[in-house]
Amino acid sequence: MNKNLVSTIFEIPGYNITESLGLCRGINVRSRSIVGNLGASLQTLVGGNITIYRKLCEESRELAFEDMIKHGEEMGADGIIGVRYESNELGQGLSEILCYGTAVKLEKK
């Protein structure tokens, strides 16, 4: 699927939505390592951007996004609209990142 046909709004400019195929989603669950927690703890002493956690979050979001696209393709979608992210702390250093949207069939205007 062309990533240009994935949108946070409920339309894809230049295309008509011909069919809604339902919810598609990607989920990623990650844990922080002891080494990562130690490094992040040291960074918090200095303050500012905690790059270790930032990298972990960016990777988790990207994996959830790619899984959502794969799920949409499996459903036969040409695009995905209304894309959103949610995250939850599952406890004991586990985080869940969910990326979801509505899989749609598209027709060029």
PDB file of N, CA and C in Angstrom:
ATOM      1  N   MET A   1       0.858  -1.183   0.000  1.00  0.00           N
ATOM      2  CA  MET A   1       0.000   0.000   0.000  1.00  0.00           C
ATOM      3  C   MET A   1       0.896   1.236   0.000  1.00  0.00           C
ATOM      4  N   ASN A   2       0.518   2.188  -0.784  1.00  0.00           N
ATOM      5  CA  ASN A   2       1.227   3.449  -0.844  1.00  0.00           C
ATOM      6  C   ASN A   2       0.967   4.223   0.454  1.00  0.00           C
ATOM      7  N   LYS A   3       2.025   4.571   1.186  1.00  0.00           N
ATOM      8  CA  LYS A   3       1.862   5.277   2.461  1.00  0.00           C
ATOM      9  C   LYS A   3       1.232   6.651   2.291  1.00  0.00           C
ATOM     10  N   ASN A   4       1.217   7.190   1.073  1.00  0.00           N
ATOM     11  CA  ASN A   4       0.531   8.451   0.815  1.00  0.00           C
ATOM     12  C   ASN A   4      -0.980   8.285   0.864  1.00  0.00           C
ATOM     13  N   LEU A   5      -1.447   7.033   0.868  1.00  0.00           N
ATOM     14  CA  LEU A   5      -2.882   6.758   0.941  1.00  0.00           C
ATOM     15  C   LEU A   5      -3.297   6.351   2.356  1.00  0.00           C
ATOM     16  N   VAL A   6      -2.497   6.765   3.325  1.00  0.00           N
ATOM     17  CA  VAL A   6      -2.789   6.572   4.744  1.00  0.00           C
ATOM     18  C   VAL A   6      -2.900   7.960   5.345  1.00  0.00           C
ATOM     19  N   SER A   7      -4.016   8.229   6.037  1.00  0.00           N
ATOM     20  CA  SER A   7      -4.297   9.596   6.464  1.00  0.00           C
ATOM     21  C   SER A   7      -4.948   9.645   7.846  1.00  0.00           C
ATOM     22  N   THR A   8      -4.650  10.710   8.577  1.00  0.00           N
ATOM     23  CA  THR A   8      -5.320  10.924   9.855  1.00  0.00           C
ATOM     24  C   THR A   8      -6.700  11.560   9.666  1.00  0.00           C
ATOM     25  N   ILE A   9      -6.945  12.140   8.504  1.00  0.00           N
ATOM     26  CA  ILE A   9      -8.268  12.707   8.225  1.00  0.00           C
ATOM     27  C   ILE A   9      -9.140  11.605   7.619  1.00  0.00           C
ATOM     28  N   PHE A  10     -10.392  11.912   7.374  1.00  0.00           N
ATOM     29  CA  PHE A  10     -11.338  10.888   6.941  1.00  0.00           C
ATOM     30  C   PHE A  10     -11.603  10.928   5.441  1.00  0.00           C
ATOM     31  N   GLU A  11     -10.577  11.320   4.707  1.00  0.00           N
ATOM     32  CA  GLU A  11     -10.629  11.301   3.252  1.00  0.00           C
ATOM     33  C   GLU A  11      -9.199  11.226   2.734  1.00  0.00           C
ATOM     34  N   ILE A  12      -9.055  10.871   1.485  1.00  0.00           N
ATOM     35  CA  ILE A  12      -7.768  10.896   0.808  1.00  0.00           C
ATOM     36  C   ILE A  12      -7.930  11.860  -0.360  1.00  0.00           C
ATOM     37  N   PRO A  13      -7.317  13.034  -0.300  1.00  0.00           N
ATOM     38  CA  PRO A  13      -7.480  14.012  -1.383  1.00  0.00           C
ATOM     39  C   PRO A  13      -7.141  13.394  -2.743  1.00  0.00           C
ATOM     40  N   GLY A  14      -8.037  13.641  -3.719  1.00  0.00           N
ATOM     41  CA  GLY A  14      -7.852  13.128  -5.069  1.00  0.00           C
ATOM     42  C   GLY A  14      -8.469  11.755  -5.293  1.00  0.00           C
ATOM     43  N   TYR A  15      -9.117  11.196  -4.244  1.00  0.00           N
ATOM     44  CA  TYR A  15      -9.718   9.863  -4.335  1.00  0.00           C
ATOM     45  C   TYR A  15     -11.127   9.871  -3.758  1.00  0.00           C
ATOM     46  N   ASN A  16     -11.978   9.039  -4.301  1.00  0.00           N
ATOM     47  CA  ASN A  16     -13.289   8.771  -3.722  1.00  0.00           C
ATOM     48  C   ASN A  16     -13.201   7.468  -2.949  1.00  0.00           C
ATOM     49  N   ILE A  17     -13.824   7.436  -1.801  1.00  0.00           N
ATOM     50  CA  ILE A  17     -13.903   6.199  -1.029  1.00  0.00           C
ATOM     51  C   ILE A  17     -15.095   5.419  -1.569  1.00  0.00           C
ATOM     52  N   THR A  18     -14.835   4.227  -2.083  1.00  0.00           N
ATOM     53  CA  THR A  18     -15.901   3.425  -2.676  1.00  0.00           C
ATOM     54  C   THR A  18     -16.437   2.366  -1.733  1.00  0.00           C
ATOM     55  N   GLU A  19     -15.636   2.016  -0.713  1.00  0.00           N
ATOM     56  CA  GLU A  19     -16.077   0.982   0.216  1.00  0.00           C
ATOM     57  C   GLU A  19     -15.270   1.083   1.510  1.00  0.00           C
ATOM     58  N   SER A  20     -15.958   0.917   2.617  1.00  0.00           N
ATOM     59  CA  SER A  20     -15.299   0.850   3.918  1.00  0.00           C
ATOM     60  C   SER A  20     -15.176  -0.621   4.294  1.00  0.00           C
ATOM     61  N   LEU A  21     -13.968  -1.051   4.610  1.00  0.00           N
ATOM     62  CA  LEU A  21     -13.725  -2.459   4.908  1.00  0.00           C
ATOM     63  C   LEU A  21     -13.641  -2.751   6.398  1.00  0.00           C
ATOM     64  N   GLY A  22     -13.699  -1.711   7.227  1.00  0.00           N
ATOM     65  CA  GLY A  22     -13.669  -1.899   8.672  1.00  0.00           C
ATOM     66  C   GLY A  22     -12.335  -1.522   9.294  1.00  0.00           C
ATOM     67  N   LEU A  23     -12.228  -1.792  10.559  1.00  0.00           N
ATOM     68  CA  LEU A  23     -11.067  -1.432  11.355  1.00  0.00           C
ATOM     69  C   LEU A  23      -9.855  -2.285  10.998  1.00  0.00           C
ATOM     70  N   CYS A  24      -8.727  -1.636  10.826  1.00  0.00           N
ATOM     71  CA  CYS A  24      -7.455  -2.358  10.711  1.00  0.00           C
ATOM     72  C   CYS A  24      -6.544  -1.807  11.792  1.00  0.00           C
ATOM     73  N   ARG A  25      -5.666  -2.644  12.313  1.00  0.00           N
ATOM     74  CA  ARG A  25      -4.844  -2.211  13.434  1.00  0.00           C
ATOM     75  C   ARG A  25      -3.496  -2.898  13.426  1.00  0.00           C
ATOM     76  N   GLY A  26      -2.577  -2.294  14.107  1.00  0.00           N
ATOM     77  CA  GLY A  26      -1.259  -2.865  14.368  1.00  0.00           C
ATOM     78  C   GLY A  26      -0.935  -2.632  15.826  1.00  0.00           C
ATOM     79  N   ILE A  27      -0.423  -3.654  16.474  1.00  0.00           N
ATOM     80  CA  ILE A  27      -0.112  -3.571  17.897  1.00  0.00           C
ATOM     81  C   ILE A  27       1.341  -3.953  18.103  1.00  0.00           C
ATOM     82  N   ASN A  28       2.014  -3.221  18.967  1.00  0.00           N
ATOM     83  CA  ASN A  28       3.386  -3.537  19.318  1.00  0.00           C
ATOM     84  C   ASN A  28       3.507  -3.454  20.830  1.00  0.00           C
ATOM     85  N   VAL A  29       4.068  -4.473  21.436  1.00  0.00           N
ATOM     86  CA  VAL A  29       4.306  -4.474  22.881  1.00  0.00           C
ATOM     87  C   VAL A  29       5.809  -4.576  23.086  1.00  0.00           C
ATOM     88  N   ARG A  30       6.352  -3.638  23.830  1.00  0.00           N
ATOM     89  CA  ARG A  30       7.806  -3.578  24.039  1.00  0.00           C
ATOM     90  C   ARG A  30       8.110  -3.515  25.530  1.00  0.00           C
ATOM     91  N   SER A  31       9.295  -3.967  25.856  1.00  0.00           N
ATOM     92  CA  SER A  31       9.792  -3.815  27.219  1.00  0.00           C
ATOM     93  C   SER A  31      11.112  -3.069  27.172  1.00  0.00           C
ATOM     94  N   ARG A  32      11.405  -2.413  28.242  1.00  0.00           N
ATOM     95  CA  ARG A  32      12.680  -1.721  28.364  1.00  0.00           C
ATOM     96  C   ARG A  32      13.668  -2.680  29.020  1.00  0.00           C
ATOM     97  N   SER A  33      14.875  -2.700  28.521  1.00  0.00           N
ATOM     98  CA  SER A  33      15.902  -3.563  29.103  1.00  0.00           C
ATOM     99  C   SER A  33      16.486  -2.921  30.356  1.00  0.00           C
ATOM    100  N   ILE A  34      17.163  -3.710  31.149  1.00  0.00           N
ATOM    101  CA  ILE A  34      17.819  -3.186  32.349  1.00  0.00           C
ATOM    102  C   ILE A  34      18.879  -2.159  31.952  1.00  0.00           C
ATOM    103  N   VAL A  35      19.619  -2.458  30.895  1.00  0.00           N
ATOM    104  CA  VAL A  35      20.648  -1.529  30.409  1.00  0.00           C
ATOM    105  C   VAL A  35      19.995  -0.229  29.946  1.00  0.00           C
ATOM    106  N   GLY A  36      18.878  -0.341  29.199  1.00  0.00           N
ATOM    107  CA  GLY A  36      18.160   0.852  28.736  1.00  0.00           C
ATOM    108  C   GLY A  36      17.634   1.675  29.895  1.00  0.00           C
ATOM    109  N   ASN A  37      17.084   1.004  30.912  1.00  0.00           N
ATOM    110  CA  ASN A  37      16.587   1.721  32.090  1.00  0.00           C
ATOM    111  C   ASN A  37      17.718   2.436  32.822  1.00  0.00           C
ATOM    112  N   LEU A  38      18.871   1.788  32.919  1.00  0.00           N
ATOM    113  CA  LEU A  38      20.014   2.401  33.585  1.00  0.00           C
ATOM    114  C   LEU A  38      20.484   3.638  32.814  1.00  0.00           C
ATOM    115  N   GLY A  39      20.606   3.489  31.480  1.00  0.00           N
ATOM    116  CA  GLY A  39      21.024   4.615  30.646  1.00  0.00           C
ATOM    117  C   GLY A  39      20.043   5.772  30.725  1.00  0.00           C
ATOM    118  N   ALA A  40      18.755   5.456  30.701  1.00  0.00           N
ATOM    119  CA  ALA A  40      17.730   6.501  30.783  1.00  0.00           C
ATOM    120  C   ALA A  40      17.759   7.172  32.150  1.00  0.00           C
ATOM    121  N   SER A  41      17.992   6.392  33.193  1.00  0.00           N
ATOM    122  CA  SER A  41      18.078   6.971  34.543  1.00  0.00           C
ATOM    123  C   SER A  41      19.213   7.975  34.622  1.00  0.00           C
ATOM    124  N   LEU A  42      20.340   7.639  34.002  1.00  0.00           N
ATOM    125  CA  LEU A  42      21.470   8.571  33.990  1.00  0.00           C
ATOM    126  C   LEU A  42      21.125   9.842  33.205  1.00  0.00           C
ATOM    127  N   GLN A  43      20.391   9.687  32.102  1.00  0.00           N
ATOM    128  CA  GLN A  43      20.000  10.868  31.312  1.00  0.00           C
ATOM    129  C   GLN A  43      19.040  11.759  32.085  1.00  0.00           C
ATOM    130  N   THR A  44      18.194  11.172  32.938  1.00  0.00           N
ATOM    131  CA  THR A  44      17.243  11.998  33.694  1.00  0.00           C
ATOM    132  C   THR A  44      17.953  12.889  34.705  1.00  0.00           C
ATOM    133  N   LEU A  45      19.151  12.470  35.134  1.00  0.00           N
ATOM    134  CA  LEU A  45      19.917  13.312  36.071  1.00  0.00           C
ATOM    135  C   LEU A  45      20.315  14.632  35.428  1.00  0.00           C
ATOM    136  N   VAL A  46      20.604  14.583  34.122  1.00  0.00           N
ATOM    137  CA  VAL A  46      21.014  15.779  33.382  1.00  0.00           C
ATOM    138  C   VAL A  46      19.790  16.566  32.923  1.00  0.00           C
ATOM    139  N   GLY A  47      18.697  15.854  32.650  1.00  0.00           N
ATOM    140  CA  GLY A  47      17.476  16.499  32.170  1.00  0.00           C
ATOM    141  C   GLY A  47      17.440  16.545  30.652  1.00  0.00           C
ATOM    142  N   GLY A  48      16.355  17.028  30.112  1.00  0.00           N
ATOM    143  CA  GLY A  48      16.212  17.135  28.662  1.00  0.00           C
ATOM    144  C   GLY A  48      15.603  15.890  28.049  1.00  0.00           C
ATOM    145  N   ASN A  49      15.864  15.719  26.769  1.00  0.00           N
ATOM    146  CA  ASN A  49      15.301  14.619  25.988  1.00  0.00           C
ATOM    147  C   ASN A  49      15.948  13.294  26.404  1.00  0.00           C
ATOM    148  N   ILE A  50      15.139  12.309  26.733  1.00  0.00           N
ATOM    149  CA  ILE A  50      15.646  10.991  27.117  1.00  0.00           C
ATOM    150  C   ILE A  50      15.714  10.163  25.833  1.00  0.00           C
ATOM    151  N   THR A  51      16.850  10.223  25.170  1.00  0.00           N
ATOM    152  CA  THR A  51      16.989   9.654  23.818  1.00  0.00           C
ATOM    153  C   THR A  51      16.780   8.150  23.766  1.00  0.00           C
ATOM    154  N   ILE A  52      17.130   7.428  24.808  1.00  0.00           N
ATOM    155  CA  ILE A  52      16.947   5.969  24.816  1.00  0.00           C
ATOM    156  C   ILE A  52      15.462   5.631  24.735  1.00  0.00           C
ATOM    157  N   TYR A  53      14.650   6.313  25.540  1.00  0.00           N
ATOM    158  CA  TYR A  53      13.207   6.053  25.507  1.00  0.00           C
ATOM    159  C   TYR A  53      12.573   6.593  24.228  1.00  0.00           C
ATOM    160  N   ARG A  54      13.091   7.713  23.761  1.00  0.00           N
ATOM    161  CA  ARG A  54      12.556   8.282  22.520  1.00  0.00           C
ATOM    162  C   ARG A  54      12.740   7.303  21.366  1.00  0.00           C
ATOM    163  N   LYS A  55      13.936   6.726  21.263  1.00  0.00           N
ATOM    164  CA  LYS A  55      14.205   5.750  20.204  1.00  0.00           C
ATOM    165  C   LYS A  55      13.281   4.539  20.337  1.00  0.00           C
ATOM    166  N   LEU A  56      13.091   4.044  21.550  1.00  0.00           N
ATOM    167  CA  LEU A  56      12.199   2.918  21.787  1.00  0.00           C
ATOM    168  C   LEU A  56      10.771   3.253  21.354  1.00  0.00           C
ATOM    169  N   CYS A  57      10.306   4.454  21.690  1.00  0.00           N
ATOM    170  CA  CYS A  57       8.946   4.876  21.310  1.00  0.00           C
ATOM    171  C   CYS A  57       8.802   5.001  19.803  1.00  0.00           C
ATOM    172  N   GLU A  58       9.788   5.608  19.149  1.00  0.00           N
ATOM    173  CA  GLU A  58       9.738   5.776  17.691  1.00  0.00           C
ATOM    174  C   GLU A  58       9.708   4.423  16.990  1.00  0.00           C
ATOM    175  N   GLU A  59      10.546   3.488  17.428  1.00  0.00           N
ATOM    176  CA  GLU A  59      10.574   2.152  16.825  1.00  0.00           C
ATOM    177  C   GLU A  59       9.247   1.432  17.043  1.00  0.00           C
ATOM    178  N   SER A  60       8.686   1.562  18.237  1.00  0.00           N
ATOM    179  CA  SER A  60       7.410   0.904  18.544  1.00  0.00           C
ATOM    180  C   SER A  60       6.282   1.454  17.689  1.00  0.00           C
ATOM    181  N   ARG A  61       6.234   2.772  17.524  1.00  0.00           N
ATOM    182  CA  ARG A  61       5.199   3.392  16.688  1.00  0.00           C
ATOM    183  C   ARG A  61       5.337   2.955  15.235  1.00  0.00           C
ATOM    184  N   GLU A  62       6.569   2.925  14.731  1.00  0.00           N
ATOM    185  CA  GLU A  62       6.806   2.529  13.342  1.00  0.00           C
ATOM    186  C   GLU A  62       6.388   1.075  13.109  1.00  0.00           C
ATOM    187  N   LEU A  63       6.714   0.184  14.045  1.00  0.00           N
ATOM    188  CA  LEU A  63       6.311  -1.222  13.909  1.00  0.00           C
ATOM    189  C   LEU A  63       4.791  -1.371  13.936  1.00  0.00           C
ATOM    190  N   ALA A  64       4.114  -0.639  14.832  1.00  0.00           N
ATOM    191  CA  ALA A  64       2.656  -0.696  14.897  1.00  0.00           C
ATOM    192  C   ALA A  64       2.043  -0.152  13.605  1.00  0.00           C
ATOM    193  N   PHE A  65       2.614   0.937  13.066  1.00  0.00           N
ATOM    194  CA  PHE A  65       2.142   1.524  11.811  1.00  0.00           C
ATOM    195  C   PHE A  65       2.288   0.527  10.661  1.00  0.00           C
ATOM    196  N   GLU A  66       3.463  -0.100  10.559  1.00  0.00           N
ATOM    197  CA  GLU A  66       3.702  -1.086   9.489  1.00  0.00           C
ATOM    198  C   GLU A  66       2.765  -2.280   9.624  1.00  0.00           C
ATOM    199  N   ASP A  67       2.510  -2.723  10.852  1.00  0.00           N
ATOM    200  CA  ASP A  67       1.568  -3.838  11.069  1.00  0.00           C
ATOM    201  C   ASP A  67       0.153  -3.447  10.672  1.00  0.00           C
ATOM    202  N   MET A  68      -0.237  -2.182  10.937  1.00  0.00           N
ATOM    203  CA  MET A  68      -1.562  -1.716  10.543  1.00  0.00           C
ATOM    204  C   MET A  68      -1.696  -1.734   9.022  1.00  0.00           C
ATOM    205  N   ILE A  69      -0.668  -1.260   8.326  1.00  0.00           N
ATOM    206  CA  ILE A  69      -0.705  -1.272   6.861  1.00  0.00           C
ATOM    207  C   ILE A  69      -0.807  -2.703   6.346  1.00  0.00           C
ATOM    208  N   LYS A  70      -0.030  -3.607   6.919  1.00  0.00           N
ATOM    209  CA  LYS A  70      -0.081  -5.010   6.512  1.00  0.00           C
ATOM    210  C   LYS A  70      -1.483  -5.599   6.730  1.00  0.00           C
ATOM    211  N   HIS A  71      -2.096  -5.273   7.869  1.00  0.00           N
ATOM    212  CA  HIS A  71      -3.450  -5.744   8.149  1.00  0.00           C
ATOM    213  C   HIS A  71      -4.439  -5.173   7.123  1.00  0.00           C
ATOM    214  N   GLY A  72      -4.295  -3.874   6.799  1.00  0.00           N
ATOM    215  CA  GLY A  72      -5.154  -3.263   5.784  1.00  0.00           C
ATOM    216  C   GLY A  72      -4.999  -3.941   4.428  1.00  0.00           C
ATOM    217  N   GLU A  73      -3.770  -4.242   4.049  1.00  0.00           N
ATOM    218  CA  GLU A  73      -3.529  -4.934   2.774  1.00  0.00           C
ATOM    219  C   GLU A  73      -4.170  -6.315   2.776  1.00  0.00           C
ATOM    220  N   GLU A  74      -4.085  -7.021   3.898  1.00  0.00           N
ATOM    221  CA  GLU A  74      -4.722  -8.341   4.013  1.00  0.00           C
ATOM    222  C   GLU A  74      -6.232  -8.250   3.864  1.00  0.00           C
ATOM    223  N   MET A  75      -6.794  -7.110   4.242  1.00  0.00           N
ATOM    224  CA  MET A  75      -8.243  -6.888   4.107  1.00  0.00           C
ATOM    225  C   MET A  75      -8.620  -6.471   2.685  1.00  0.00           C
ATOM    226  N   GLY A  76      -7.626  -6.170   1.846  1.00  0.00           N
ATOM    227  CA  GLY A  76      -7.882  -5.736   0.482  1.00  0.00           C
ATOM    228  C   GLY A  76      -8.002  -4.234   0.321  1.00  0.00           C
ATOM    229  N   ALA A  77      -7.503  -3.482   1.291  1.00  0.00           N
ATOM    230  CA  ALA A  77      -7.635  -2.020   1.267  1.00  0.00           C
ATOM    231  C   ALA A  77      -6.640  -1.376   0.315  1.00  0.00           C
ATOM    232  N   ASP A  78      -7.072  -0.247  -0.255  1.00  0.00           N
ATOM    233  CA  ASP A  78      -6.191   0.612  -1.048  1.00  0.00           C
ATOM    234  C   ASP A  78      -5.611   1.722  -0.187  1.00  0.00           C
ATOM    235  N   GLY A  79      -6.308   2.060   0.907  1.00  0.00           N
ATOM    236  CA  GLY A  79      -5.890   3.143   1.787  1.00  0.00           C
ATOM    237  C   GLY A  79      -6.459   2.948   3.177  1.00  0.00           C
ATOM    238  N   ILE A  80      -6.017   3.802   4.096  1.00  0.00           N
ATOM    239  CA  ILE A  80      -6.497   3.771   5.479  1.00  0.00           C
ATOM    240  C   ILE A  80      -6.749   5.206   5.909  1.00  0.00           C
ATOM    241  N   ILE A  81      -7.922   5.454   6.456  1.00  0.00           N
ATOM    242  CA  ILE A  81      -8.289   6.802   6.899  1.00  0.00           C
ATOM    243  C   ILE A  81      -8.506   6.820   8.415  1.00  0.00           C
ATOM    244  N   GLY A  82      -8.491   8.025   8.978  1.00  0.00           N
ATOM    245  CA  GLY A  82      -8.771   8.202  10.406  1.00  0.00           C
ATOM    246  C   GLY A  82      -7.729   7.535  11.303  1.00  0.00           C
ATOM    247  N   VAL A  83      -6.487   7.530  10.886  1.00  0.00           N
ATOM    248  CA  VAL A  83      -5.436   6.825  11.632  1.00  0.00           C
ATOM    249  C   VAL A  83      -5.160   7.517  12.967  1.00  0.00           C
ATOM    250  N   ARG A  84      -5.047   6.716  13.999  1.00  0.00           N
ATOM    251  CA  ARG A  84      -4.762   7.194  15.354  1.00  0.00           C
ATOM    252  C   ARG A  84      -3.773   6.257  16.024  1.00  0.00           C
ATOM    253  N   TYR A  85      -3.094   6.778  17.040  1.00  0.00           N
ATOM    254  CA  TYR A  85      -2.214   5.994  17.900  1.00  0.00           C
ATOM    255  C   TYR A  85      -2.749   6.045  19.324  1.00  0.00           C
ATOM    256  N   GLU A  86      -2.568   4.970  20.041  1.00  0.00           N
ATOM    257  CA  GLU A  86      -2.830   4.939  21.478  1.00  0.00           C
ATOM    258  C   GLU A  86      -1.703   4.165  22.118  1.00  0.00           C
ATOM    259  N   SER A  87      -1.405   4.502  23.346  1.00  0.00           N
ATOM    260  CA  SER A  87      -0.387   3.744  24.072  1.00  0.00           C
ATOM    261  C   SER A  87      -0.856   3.530  25.503  1.00  0.00           C
ATOM    262  N   ASN A  88      -0.443   2.409  26.036  1.00  0.00           N
ATOM    263  CA  ASN A  88      -0.780   2.049  27.406  1.00  0.00           C
ATOM    264  C   ASN A  88       0.437   1.457  28.083  1.00  0.00           C
ATOM    265  N   GLU A  89       0.575   1.740  29.349  1.00  0.00           N
ATOM    266  CA  GLU A  89       1.605   1.114  30.161  1.00  0.00           C
ATOM    267  C   GLU A  89       0.978  -0.149  30.739  1.00  0.00           C
ATOM    268  N   LEU A  90       1.579  -1.285  30.442  1.00  0.00           N
ATOM    269  CA  LEU A  90       1.029  -2.559  30.911  1.00  0.00           C
ATOM    270  C   LEU A  90       1.622  -2.970  32.249  1.00  0.00           C
ATOM    271  N   GLY A  91       2.561  -2.201  32.744  1.00  0.00           N
ATOM    272  CA  GLY A  91       3.200  -2.506  34.016  1.00  0.00           C
ATOM    273  C   GLY A  91       4.503  -3.252  33.812  1.00  0.00           C
ATOM    274  N   GLN A  92       5.338  -3.217  34.836  1.00  0.00           N
ATOM    275  CA  GLN A  92       6.625  -3.913  34.839  1.00  0.00           C
ATOM    276  C   GLN A  92       7.463  -3.608  33.598  1.00  0.00           C
ATOM    277  N   GLY A  93       7.441  -2.359  33.165  1.00  0.00           N
ATOM    278  CA  GLY A  93       8.269  -1.941  32.039  1.00  0.00           C
ATOM    279  C   GLY A  93       7.732  -2.308  30.675  1.00  0.00           C
ATOM    280  N   LEU A  94       6.476  -2.749  30.585  1.00  0.00           N
ATOM    281  CA  LEU A  94       5.870  -3.114  29.301  1.00  0.00           C
ATOM    282  C   LEU A  94       4.975  -1.994  28.806  1.00  0.00           C
ATOM    283  N   SER A  95       5.106  -1.667  27.528  1.00  0.00           N
ATOM    284  CA  SER A  95       4.261  -0.653  26.906  1.00  0.00           C
ATOM    285  C   SER A  95       3.611  -1.231  25.663  1.00  0.00           C
ATOM    286  N   GLU A  96       2.354  -0.862  25.464  1.00  0.00           N
ATOM    287  CA  GLU A  96       1.617  -1.263  24.269  1.00  0.00           C
ATOM    288  C   GLU A  96       1.408  -0.032  23.411  1.00  0.00           C
ATOM    289  N   ILE A  97       1.708  -0.153  22.122  1.00  0.00           N
ATOM    290  CA  ILE A  97       1.432   0.907  21.159  1.00  0.00           C
ATOM    291  C   ILE A  97       0.435   0.330  20.162  1.00  0.00           C
ATOM    292  N   LEU A  98      -0.679   1.011  19.978  1.00  0.00           N
ATOM    293  CA  LEU A  98      -1.720   0.594  19.044  1.00  0.00           C
ATOM    294  C   LEU A  98      -1.848   1.661  17.970  1.00  0.00           C
ATOM    295  N   CYS A  99      -1.840   1.238  16.718  1.00  0.00           N
ATOM    296  CA  CYS A  99      -2.077   2.136  15.592  1.00  0.00           C
ATOM    297  C   CYS A  99      -3.285   1.569  14.850  1.00  0.00           C
ATOM    298  N   TYR A 100      -4.311   2.392  14.618  1.00  0.00           N
ATOM    299  CA  TYR A 100      -5.525   1.877  13.996  1.00  0.00           C
ATOM    300  C   TYR A 100      -6.163   2.910  13.086  1.00  0.00           C
ATOM    301  N   GLY A 101      -6.981   2.424  12.182  1.00  0.00           N
ATOM    302  CA  GLY A 101      -7.715   3.282  11.270  1.00  0.00           C
ATOM    303  C   GLY A 101      -8.757   2.466  10.533  1.00  0.00           C
ATOM    304  N   THR A 102      -9.435   3.096   9.580  1.00  0.00           N
ATOM    305  CA  THR A 102     -10.458   2.427   8.794  1.00  0.00           C
ATOM    306  C   THR A 102      -9.887   2.092   7.425  1.00  0.00           C
ATOM    307  N   ALA A 103      -9.891   0.801   7.109  1.00  0.00           N
ATOM    308  CA  ALA A 103      -9.416   0.330   5.806  1.00  0.00           C
ATOM    309  C   ALA A 103     -10.479   0.644   4.761  1.00  0.00           C
ATOM    310  N   VAL A 104     -10.056   1.211   3.616  1.00  0.00           N
ATOM    311  CA  VAL A 104     -11.011   1.613   2.586  1.00  0.00           C
ATOM    312  C   VAL A 104     -10.530   1.213   1.198  1.00  0.00           C
ATOM    313  N   LYS A 105     -11.492   1.072   0.293  1.00  0.00           N
ATOM    314  CA  LYS A 105     -11.221   0.913  -1.130  1.00  0.00           C
ATOM    315  C   LYS A 105     -11.338   2.311  -1.748  1.00  0.00           C
ATOM    316  N   LEU A 106     -10.430   2.614  -2.668  1.00  0.00           N
ATOM    317  CA  LEU A 106     -10.373   3.955  -3.244  1.00  0.00           C
ATOM    318  C   LEU A 106     -10.491   3.914  -4.763  1.00  0.00           C
ATOM    319  N   GLU A 107     -10.988   5.028  -5.294  1.00  0.00           N
ATOM    320  CA  GLU A 107     -11.065   5.225  -6.746  1.00  0.00           C
ATOM    321  C   GLU A 107     -10.553   6.631  -7.028  1.00  0.00           C
ATOM    322  N   LYS A 108      -9.602   6.754  -7.954  1.00  0.00           N
ATOM    323  CA  LYS A 108      -9.052   8.066  -8.298  1.00  0.00           C
ATOM    324  C   LYS A 108     -10.159   8.937  -8.885  1.00  0.00           C
ATOM    325  N   LYS A 109     -10.213  10.219  -8.487  1.00  0.00           N
ATOM    326  CA  LYS A 109     -11.224  11.153  -8.988  1.00  0.00           C
ATOM    327  C   LYS A 109     -10.943  11.499 -10.427  1.00  0.00           C
TER     328      LYS A 109
END
